[in-house]
Amino acid sequence: MRRLHDTDRSGWWLLISLVPLVGFILLIIWLARPGDAGPNRFGQDPVATGP
């Protein structure tokens, strides 16, 4: 769910994996993309703020 938040998507998008084949492929593509730079509606960019 955290990876989806990094790309400014809700955790509810995990349910798309229930759609046979297409949902799983779409979810893999979203999880492989780099996160959005800067803050989004789920908070600050964790990479930019550091530990």
N, C-alpha and C. Protein backbone atom coordinates (compact mmCIF):
# COMPACT_ATOMS: atom_id res chain seq x y z
N MET A 1 0.82 -1.17 0.00
CA MET A 1 0.00 0.00 0.00
C MET A 1 0.88 1.25 0.00
N ARG A 2 2.01 1.18 0.66
CA ARG A 2 2.87 2.36 0.71
C ARG A 2 3.37 2.75 -0.68
N ARG A 3 3.68 1.78 -1.52
CA ARG A 3 4.13 2.09 -2.89
C ARG A 3 3.04 2.79 -3.67
N LEU A 4 1.79 2.41 -3.46
CA LEU A 4 0.70 3.09 -4.14
C LEU A 4 0.57 4.52 -3.64
N HIS A 5 0.78 4.74 -2.36
CA HIS A 5 0.74 6.09 -1.82
C HIS A 5 1.88 6.93 -2.39
N ASP A 6 3.04 6.32 -2.63
CA ASP A 6 4.17 7.05 -3.21
C ASP A 6 3.85 7.54 -4.61
N THR A 7 2.97 6.85 -5.31
CA THR A 7 2.57 7.26 -6.66
C THR A 7 1.23 7.98 -6.65
N ASP A 8 0.79 8.46 -5.48
CA ASP A 8 -0.44 9.24 -5.30
C ASP A 8 -1.70 8.45 -5.66
N ARG A 9 -1.71 7.17 -5.29
CA ARG A 9 -2.90 6.33 -5.48
C ARG A 9 -3.34 5.78 -4.12
N SER A 10 -4.62 5.58 -3.98
CA SER A 10 -5.17 5.06 -2.75
C SER A 10 -4.85 3.57 -2.60
N GLY A 11 -4.84 3.09 -1.38
CA GLY A 11 -4.61 1.68 -1.12
C GLY A 11 -5.72 0.78 -1.64
N TRP A 12 -6.87 1.37 -1.91
CA TRP A 12 -7.98 0.60 -2.46
C TRP A 12 -7.66 0.04 -3.85
N TRP A 13 -6.67 0.60 -4.53
CA TRP A 13 -6.28 0.10 -5.84
C TRP A 13 -5.72 -1.32 -5.76
N LEU A 14 -5.38 -1.80 -4.57
CA LEU A 14 -4.93 -3.19 -4.43
C LEU A 14 -6.01 -4.17 -4.87
N LEU A 15 -7.26 -3.75 -4.76
CA LEU A 15 -8.37 -4.63 -5.15
C LEU A 15 -8.40 -4.89 -6.65
N ILE A 16 -7.71 -4.07 -7.45
CA ILE A 16 -7.69 -4.29 -8.88
C ILE A 16 -6.98 -5.61 -9.22
N SER A 17 -6.19 -6.12 -8.31
CA SER A 17 -5.51 -7.39 -8.55
C SER A 17 -6.50 -8.55 -8.59
N LEU A 18 -7.74 -8.33 -8.17
CA LEU A 18 -8.76 -9.37 -8.25
C LEU A 18 -9.29 -9.57 -9.67
N VAL A 19 -9.04 -8.58 -10.55
CA VAL A 19 -9.42 -8.73 -11.96
C VAL A 19 -8.38 -9.64 -12.61
N PRO A 20 -8.80 -10.74 -13.20
CA PRO A 20 -7.84 -11.70 -13.74
C PRO A 20 -6.88 -11.08 -14.76
N LEU A 21 -5.62 -11.36 -14.61
CA LEU A 21 -4.50 -11.01 -15.47
C LEU A 21 -4.30 -9.50 -15.66
N VAL A 22 -5.28 -8.79 -16.19
CA VAL A 22 -5.12 -7.37 -16.48
C VAL A 22 -4.87 -6.57 -15.20
N GLY A 23 -5.62 -6.83 -14.15
CA GLY A 23 -5.45 -6.12 -12.90
C GLY A 23 -4.08 -6.36 -12.28
N PHE A 24 -3.62 -7.59 -12.35
CA PHE A 24 -2.32 -7.94 -11.79
C PHE A 24 -1.20 -7.25 -12.56
N ILE A 25 -1.29 -7.23 -13.88
CA ILE A 25 -0.26 -6.58 -14.70
C ILE A 25 -0.24 -5.08 -14.44
N LEU A 26 -1.40 -4.46 -14.36
CA LEU A 26 -1.48 -3.03 -14.09
C LEU A 26 -0.88 -2.69 -12.73
N LEU A 27 -1.17 -3.51 -11.74
CA LEU A 27 -0.63 -3.28 -10.40
C LEU A 27 0.90 -3.41 -10.39
N ILE A 28 1.44 -4.38 -11.09
CA ILE A 28 2.90 -4.55 -11.17
C ILE A 28 3.55 -3.33 -11.82
N ILE A 29 2.92 -2.80 -12.88
CA ILE A 29 3.47 -1.62 -13.54
C ILE A 29 3.48 -0.43 -12.58
N TRP A 30 2.40 -0.23 -11.86
CA TRP A 30 2.33 0.89 -10.91
C TRP A 30 3.36 0.74 -9.80
N LEU A 31 3.56 -0.47 -9.32
CA LEU A 31 4.51 -0.69 -8.22
C LEU A 31 5.96 -0.55 -8.68
N ALA A 32 6.22 -0.75 -9.96
CA ALA A 32 7.59 -0.66 -10.48
C ALA A 32 8.00 0.77 -10.81
N ARG A 33 7.03 1.66 -10.99
CA ARG A 33 7.33 3.06 -11.32
C ARG A 33 7.94 3.77 -10.12
N PRO A 34 8.80 4.77 -10.37
CA PRO A 34 9.31 5.57 -9.25
C PRO A 34 8.20 6.42 -8.65
N GLY A 35 8.33 6.74 -7.40
CA GLY A 35 7.33 7.56 -6.72
C GLY A 35 7.34 8.99 -7.21
N ASP A 36 6.28 9.72 -6.92
CA ASP A 36 6.19 11.12 -7.29
C ASP A 36 7.19 11.94 -6.47
N ALA A 37 7.80 12.91 -7.12
CA ALA A 37 8.73 13.80 -6.42
C ALA A 37 7.94 14.84 -5.64
N GLY A 38 8.34 15.09 -4.42
CA GLY A 38 7.66 16.08 -3.61
C GLY A 38 6.47 15.51 -2.87
N PRO A 39 5.80 16.34 -2.09
CA PRO A 39 4.66 15.87 -1.31
C PRO A 39 3.44 15.60 -2.19
N ASN A 40 2.58 14.70 -1.72
CA ASN A 40 1.30 14.45 -2.37
C ASN A 40 0.23 14.40 -1.29
N ARG A 41 -0.96 13.99 -1.62
CA ARG A 41 -2.06 14.02 -0.64
C ARG A 41 -1.88 13.04 0.52
N PHE A 42 -0.89 12.15 0.43
CA PHE A 42 -0.64 11.19 1.50
C PHE A 42 0.52 11.59 2.39
N GLY A 43 1.14 12.74 2.10
CA GLY A 43 2.22 13.23 2.96
C GLY A 43 3.45 13.64 2.18
N GLN A 44 4.52 13.85 2.93
CA GLN A 44 5.78 14.28 2.35
C GLN A 44 6.46 13.14 1.59
N ASP A 45 7.40 13.49 0.74
CA ASP A 45 8.20 12.52 0.01
C ASP A 45 9.20 11.90 0.99
N PRO A 46 9.11 10.58 1.27
CA PRO A 46 10.01 9.99 2.28
C PRO A 46 11.47 9.95 1.83
N VAL A 47 11.72 9.94 0.53
CA VAL A 47 13.09 9.92 0.04
C VAL A 47 13.73 11.29 0.21
N ALA A 48 12.97 12.34 -0.02
CA ALA A 48 13.51 13.71 0.06
C ALA A 48 13.77 14.13 1.52
N THR A 49 12.97 13.63 2.47
CA THR A 49 13.13 14.04 3.86
C THR A 49 14.22 13.26 4.58
N GLY A 50 14.57 12.10 4.09
CA GLY A 50 15.62 11.31 4.72
C GLY A 50 15.11 10.56 5.94
N PRO A 51 16.05 9.89 6.68
CA PRO A 51 15.63 9.09 7.85
C PRO A 51 15.22 9.92 9.03
